N, C-alpha and C. Protein backbone atom coordinates (compact mmCIF):
# COMPACT_ATOMS: atom_id res chain seq x y z
N UNK A 1 98.13 14.31 -101.57
CA UNK A 1 99.41 15.02 -101.25
C UNK A 1 100.40 14.00 -100.87
N UNK A 2 100.14 13.22 -99.74
CA UNK A 2 101.09 12.25 -99.23
C UNK A 2 101.47 11.26 -100.28
N UNK A 3 100.56 10.76 -101.15
CA UNK A 3 100.94 9.89 -102.38
C UNK A 3 101.88 10.61 -103.21
N UNK A 4 101.68 11.74 -103.61
CA UNK A 4 102.66 12.51 -104.44
C UNK A 4 104.09 12.56 -103.81
N UNK A 5 104.08 12.92 -102.56
CA UNK A 5 105.33 12.89 -101.80
C UNK A 5 106.02 11.60 -101.80
N UNK A 6 105.23 10.59 -101.45
CA UNK A 6 105.84 9.17 -101.25
C UNK A 6 106.51 8.75 -102.73
N UNK A 7 105.68 9.15 -103.81
CA UNK A 7 106.24 8.76 -105.19
C UNK A 7 107.37 9.64 -105.46
N UNK A 8 107.45 10.94 -105.07
CA UNK A 8 108.62 11.66 -105.30
C UNK A 8 109.78 11.21 -104.67
N UNK A 9 109.62 10.78 -103.47
CA UNK A 9 110.83 10.18 -102.62
C UNK A 9 111.22 8.93 -103.10
N UNK A 10 110.34 8.00 -103.56
CA UNK A 10 110.51 6.85 -104.08
C UNK A 10 111.47 7.09 -105.56
N UNK A 11 110.95 7.99 -106.30
CA UNK A 11 111.77 8.32 -107.50
C UNK A 11 113.16 8.78 -107.11
N UNK A 12 113.31 9.68 -106.21
CA UNK A 12 114.69 10.12 -105.91
C UNK A 12 115.53 8.87 -105.25
N UNK A 13 114.94 7.92 -104.53
CA UNK A 13 115.67 6.94 -104.04
C UNK A 13 116.12 5.85 -105.21
N UNK A 14 115.15 5.77 -106.23
CA UNK A 14 115.43 5.01 -107.48
C UNK A 14 116.58 5.61 -108.18
N UNK A 15 116.56 7.02 -108.34
CA UNK A 15 117.57 7.60 -108.83
C UNK A 15 119.06 7.42 -108.31
N UNK A 16 119.00 7.43 -106.97
CA UNK A 16 120.20 7.29 -106.32
C UNK A 16 120.75 5.83 -106.55
N UNK A 17 119.80 4.84 -106.30
CA UNK A 17 120.14 3.41 -106.50
C UNK A 17 120.74 3.27 -107.97
N UNK A 18 120.18 3.85 -108.95
CA UNK A 18 120.69 3.85 -110.31
C UNK A 18 122.06 4.49 -110.41
N UNK A 19 122.13 5.68 -109.81
CA UNK A 19 123.40 6.26 -109.70
C UNK A 19 124.62 5.48 -109.14
N UNK A 20 124.18 4.72 -108.04
CA UNK A 20 125.21 3.85 -107.53
C UNK A 20 125.71 2.78 -108.34
N UNK A 21 124.77 2.21 -109.28
CA UNK A 21 125.11 1.23 -110.17
C UNK A 21 126.01 1.85 -111.31
N UNK A 22 125.74 3.02 -111.77
CA UNK A 22 126.54 3.85 -112.68
C UNK A 22 127.98 4.16 -112.18
N UNK A 23 127.98 4.51 -111.03
CA UNK A 23 129.13 4.87 -110.35
C UNK A 23 130.22 3.45 -110.25
N UNK A 24 129.70 2.45 -109.83
CA UNK A 24 130.26 1.18 -109.84
C UNK A 24 130.71 0.79 -111.16
N UNK A 25 129.85 1.00 -112.19
CA UNK A 25 130.27 0.60 -113.58
C UNK A 25 131.44 1.45 -114.01
N UNK A 26 131.28 2.74 -113.84
CA UNK A 26 132.31 3.72 -114.30
C UNK A 26 133.67 3.35 -113.60
N UNK A 27 133.64 3.16 -112.36
CA UNK A 27 134.83 2.83 -111.60
C UNK A 27 135.46 1.55 -111.95
N UNK A 28 134.61 0.61 -112.12
CA UNK A 28 135.13 -0.67 -112.73
C UNK A 28 135.97 -0.54 -113.91
N UNK A 29 135.34 0.33 -114.96
CA UNK A 29 135.96 0.51 -116.25
C UNK A 29 137.31 1.33 -116.13
N UNK A 30 137.51 2.09 -114.93
CA UNK A 30 138.83 2.88 -114.59
C UNK A 30 139.77 1.69 -113.98
N UNK A 31 139.31 0.83 -113.28
CA UNK A 31 140.20 -0.20 -112.80
C UNK A 31 140.54 -1.15 -113.83
N UNK A 32 139.67 -1.47 -114.87
CA UNK A 32 140.10 -2.18 -116.02
C UNK A 32 141.08 -1.57 -116.84
N UNK A 33 141.11 -0.24 -116.95
CA UNK A 33 142.06 0.48 -117.73
C UNK A 33 143.33 0.82 -116.94
N UNK A 34 143.31 0.42 -115.70
CA UNK A 34 144.54 0.52 -114.74
C UNK A 34 144.70 1.88 -114.32
N UNK A 35 143.61 2.63 -114.31
CA UNK A 35 143.57 4.15 -113.76
C UNK A 35 143.43 4.17 -112.33
N UNK A 36 142.76 3.03 -111.79
CA UNK A 36 142.66 2.95 -110.34
C UNK A 36 142.68 1.47 -109.77
N UNK A 37 143.21 1.42 -108.58
CA UNK A 37 143.39 -0.02 -108.04
C UNK A 37 142.09 -0.33 -107.51
N UNK A 38 141.98 -1.73 -107.15
CA UNK A 38 140.79 -2.13 -106.42
C UNK A 38 140.49 -1.47 -105.22
N UNK A 39 141.52 -1.28 -104.34
CA UNK A 39 141.36 -0.63 -103.11
C UNK A 39 140.95 0.84 -103.35
N UNK A 40 141.53 1.66 -104.31
CA UNK A 40 141.15 2.92 -104.51
C UNK A 40 139.58 3.03 -105.08
N UNK A 41 139.22 2.04 -105.98
CA UNK A 41 137.98 2.13 -106.35
C UNK A 41 137.02 1.79 -105.32
N UNK A 42 137.16 0.91 -104.31
CA UNK A 42 136.11 0.56 -103.35
C UNK A 42 135.96 1.89 -102.35
N UNK A 43 137.10 2.57 -102.14
CA UNK A 43 137.11 3.85 -101.37
C UNK A 43 136.25 4.93 -102.17
N UNK A 44 136.62 4.97 -103.42
CA UNK A 44 135.97 6.10 -104.29
C UNK A 44 134.37 5.72 -104.32
N UNK A 45 133.88 4.56 -104.70
CA UNK A 45 132.52 4.26 -104.62
C UNK A 45 132.04 4.61 -103.22
N UNK A 46 132.65 4.26 -102.10
CA UNK A 46 131.97 4.42 -100.85
C UNK A 46 131.69 5.88 -100.72
N UNK A 47 132.78 6.66 -101.03
CA UNK A 47 132.69 8.31 -100.86
C UNK A 47 131.70 8.83 -101.73
N UNK A 48 131.62 8.31 -103.00
CA UNK A 48 130.49 8.91 -103.90
C UNK A 48 129.21 8.44 -103.47
N UNK A 49 129.03 7.29 -103.02
CA UNK A 49 127.74 6.83 -102.52
C UNK A 49 127.25 7.68 -101.26
N UNK A 50 128.34 7.88 -100.41
CA UNK A 50 127.94 8.64 -99.23
C UNK A 50 127.59 9.99 -99.62
N UNK A 51 128.22 10.67 -100.55
CA UNK A 51 127.85 11.88 -100.97
C UNK A 51 126.44 11.95 -101.37
N UNK A 52 126.18 10.83 -102.40
CA UNK A 52 124.78 10.91 -102.98
C UNK A 52 123.88 10.88 -101.88
N UNK A 53 124.13 9.87 -100.80
CA UNK A 53 123.08 9.63 -99.59
C UNK A 53 122.79 11.16 -98.92
N UNK A 54 123.94 11.90 -98.76
CA UNK A 54 123.97 13.07 -98.07
C UNK A 54 122.93 14.12 -99.02
N UNK A 55 123.17 13.98 -100.21
CA UNK A 55 122.51 14.89 -101.15
C UNK A 55 120.86 14.55 -101.11
N UNK A 56 120.72 13.22 -101.11
CA UNK A 56 119.17 12.70 -100.99
C UNK A 56 118.55 13.06 -99.76
N UNK A 57 119.43 12.91 -98.64
CA UNK A 57 118.67 13.54 -97.32
C UNK A 57 118.37 15.06 -97.35
N UNK A 58 119.51 15.87 -97.98
CA UNK A 58 119.12 17.18 -98.14
C UNK A 58 117.85 17.46 -99.04
N UNK A 59 117.78 16.69 -100.09
CA UNK A 59 116.51 16.85 -100.94
C UNK A 59 115.31 16.48 -100.11
N UNK A 60 115.26 15.47 -99.45
CA UNK A 60 114.19 15.04 -98.68
C UNK A 60 113.67 15.90 -97.62
N UNK A 61 114.85 16.49 -96.82
CA UNK A 61 114.63 17.54 -95.95
C UNK A 61 113.95 18.74 -96.58
N UNK A 62 114.50 19.14 -97.67
CA UNK A 62 113.77 20.45 -98.28
C UNK A 62 112.38 19.97 -98.86
N UNK A 63 112.22 18.92 -99.38
CA UNK A 63 110.76 18.53 -99.77
C UNK A 63 109.90 18.61 -98.56
N UNK A 64 110.23 18.00 -97.41
CA UNK A 64 109.29 17.93 -96.19
C UNK A 64 109.06 19.34 -95.58
N UNK A 65 110.13 20.11 -95.70
CA UNK A 65 110.09 21.41 -95.10
C UNK A 65 109.07 22.22 -95.99
N UNK A 66 109.07 22.11 -97.38
CA UNK A 66 108.20 22.71 -98.13
C UNK A 66 106.69 22.32 -98.12
N UNK A 67 106.51 20.94 -97.96
CA UNK A 67 105.38 20.47 -97.73
C UNK A 67 104.65 20.95 -96.36
N UNK A 68 105.43 20.92 -95.48
CA UNK A 68 104.92 21.41 -93.96
C UNK A 68 104.68 22.91 -94.13
N UNK A 69 105.40 23.56 -94.91
CA UNK A 69 105.11 25.00 -95.05
C UNK A 69 103.75 25.33 -95.92
N UNK A 70 103.64 24.51 -96.79
CA UNK A 70 102.65 24.56 -97.58
C UNK A 70 101.20 24.19 -96.88
N UNK A 71 101.51 23.02 -96.13
CA UNK A 71 100.27 22.53 -95.40
C UNK A 71 99.86 23.62 -94.39
N UNK A 72 100.81 24.32 -93.70
CA UNK A 72 100.55 25.31 -92.83
C UNK A 72 99.78 26.55 -93.43
N UNK A 73 100.33 27.01 -94.73
CA UNK A 73 99.63 28.06 -95.34
C UNK A 73 98.14 27.63 -95.63
N UNK A 74 98.01 26.36 -95.95
CA UNK A 74 96.40 25.91 -96.36
C UNK A 74 95.62 26.01 -95.04
N UNK A 75 96.35 25.62 -93.92
CA UNK A 75 95.41 25.72 -92.70
C UNK A 75 95.09 27.21 -92.27
N UNK A 76 95.96 27.86 -92.68
CA UNK A 76 95.70 29.55 -92.24
C UNK A 76 94.77 30.16 -93.18
N UNK A 77 94.58 29.36 -94.24
CA UNK A 77 93.60 29.96 -95.44
C UNK A 77 92.07 29.56 -95.12
N UNK A 78 92.14 28.33 -94.47
CA UNK A 78 90.67 27.66 -94.44
C UNK A 78 90.39 27.58 -93.05
N UNK A 79 89.09 26.85 -92.81
CA UNK A 79 88.61 26.48 -91.33
C UNK A 79 88.60 25.06 -91.39
N UNK A 80 88.55 24.40 -90.29
CA UNK A 80 88.17 23.03 -90.06
C UNK A 80 86.78 22.75 -90.20
N UNK A 81 86.36 21.65 -90.48
CA UNK A 81 84.91 21.25 -90.55
C UNK A 81 84.25 21.53 -89.15
N UNK A 82 84.99 21.32 -88.02
CA UNK A 82 84.53 21.66 -86.74
C UNK A 82 84.25 23.07 -86.58
N UNK A 83 85.20 24.02 -86.91
CA UNK A 83 85.12 25.48 -86.89
C UNK A 83 83.82 25.83 -87.86
N UNK A 84 83.80 25.41 -88.82
CA UNK A 84 82.71 25.65 -89.89
C UNK A 84 81.22 25.36 -89.16
N UNK A 85 81.17 24.08 -88.52
CA UNK A 85 79.96 23.77 -87.92
C UNK A 85 79.60 24.62 -86.79
N UNK A 86 80.72 25.04 -85.92
CA UNK A 86 80.54 25.95 -84.77
C UNK A 86 80.03 27.28 -85.41
N UNK A 87 80.49 27.89 -86.35
CA UNK A 87 80.14 29.21 -86.89
C UNK A 87 78.67 29.11 -87.43
N UNK A 88 78.41 27.97 -88.01
CA UNK A 88 77.05 27.82 -88.59
C UNK A 88 76.09 27.79 -87.62
N UNK A 89 76.45 27.03 -86.51
CA UNK A 89 75.47 27.12 -85.31
C UNK A 89 75.24 28.40 -84.65
N UNK A 90 76.36 29.14 -84.64
CA UNK A 90 76.47 30.55 -84.03
C UNK A 90 75.56 31.49 -84.90
N UNK A 91 75.77 31.30 -86.11
CA UNK A 91 74.99 32.16 -87.09
C UNK A 91 73.50 31.94 -86.96
N UNK A 92 73.01 30.67 -86.81
CA UNK A 92 71.69 30.27 -86.74
C UNK A 92 71.10 30.77 -85.52
N UNK A 93 71.87 30.70 -84.30
CA UNK A 93 71.42 31.31 -83.09
C UNK A 93 71.26 32.85 -83.22
N UNK A 94 72.17 33.58 -83.98
CA UNK A 94 72.01 35.05 -84.08
C UNK A 94 70.75 35.28 -84.99
N UNK A 95 70.65 34.62 -86.09
CA UNK A 95 69.43 34.81 -86.84
C UNK A 95 68.27 34.63 -86.15
N UNK A 96 68.13 33.62 -85.20
CA UNK A 96 67.05 33.24 -84.34
C UNK A 96 66.74 34.53 -83.46
N UNK A 97 67.65 34.98 -82.95
CA UNK A 97 67.58 36.22 -81.97
C UNK A 97 66.97 37.35 -82.75
N UNK A 98 67.62 37.51 -83.90
CA UNK A 98 67.20 38.72 -84.70
C UNK A 98 65.77 38.67 -85.17
N UNK A 99 65.25 37.38 -85.50
CA UNK A 99 63.93 37.27 -85.93
C UNK A 99 62.99 37.44 -84.64
N UNK A 100 63.47 37.08 -83.64
CA UNK A 100 62.71 37.23 -82.35
C UNK A 100 62.41 38.71 -81.87
N UNK A 101 63.44 39.48 -82.40
CA UNK A 101 63.62 40.88 -81.81
C UNK A 101 62.60 41.73 -82.95
N UNK A 102 62.41 41.22 -83.96
CA UNK A 102 61.78 41.93 -85.14
C UNK A 102 60.26 41.93 -84.83
């Protein structure tokens, strides 16, 4: 589960990094066409990268929340090994008492 989560987050980070490169490439084309100045392009790239980072953080937060919720649901559906062992011992003691009383 952790491996899947790590791979998903790495993929998201990779997409964001690639997006930054695409943003810079597109902005450079606009500068070359004279539609943006160098100063405007730097500000625009910074703003778009910032928004991308904010989106990444939201996605990461949502993923973590869902993982925690899922893990919590799994814990309520099952028992730990310790609880299982304790219940097994209790059952064995009850069976022994029942056998002694028959």
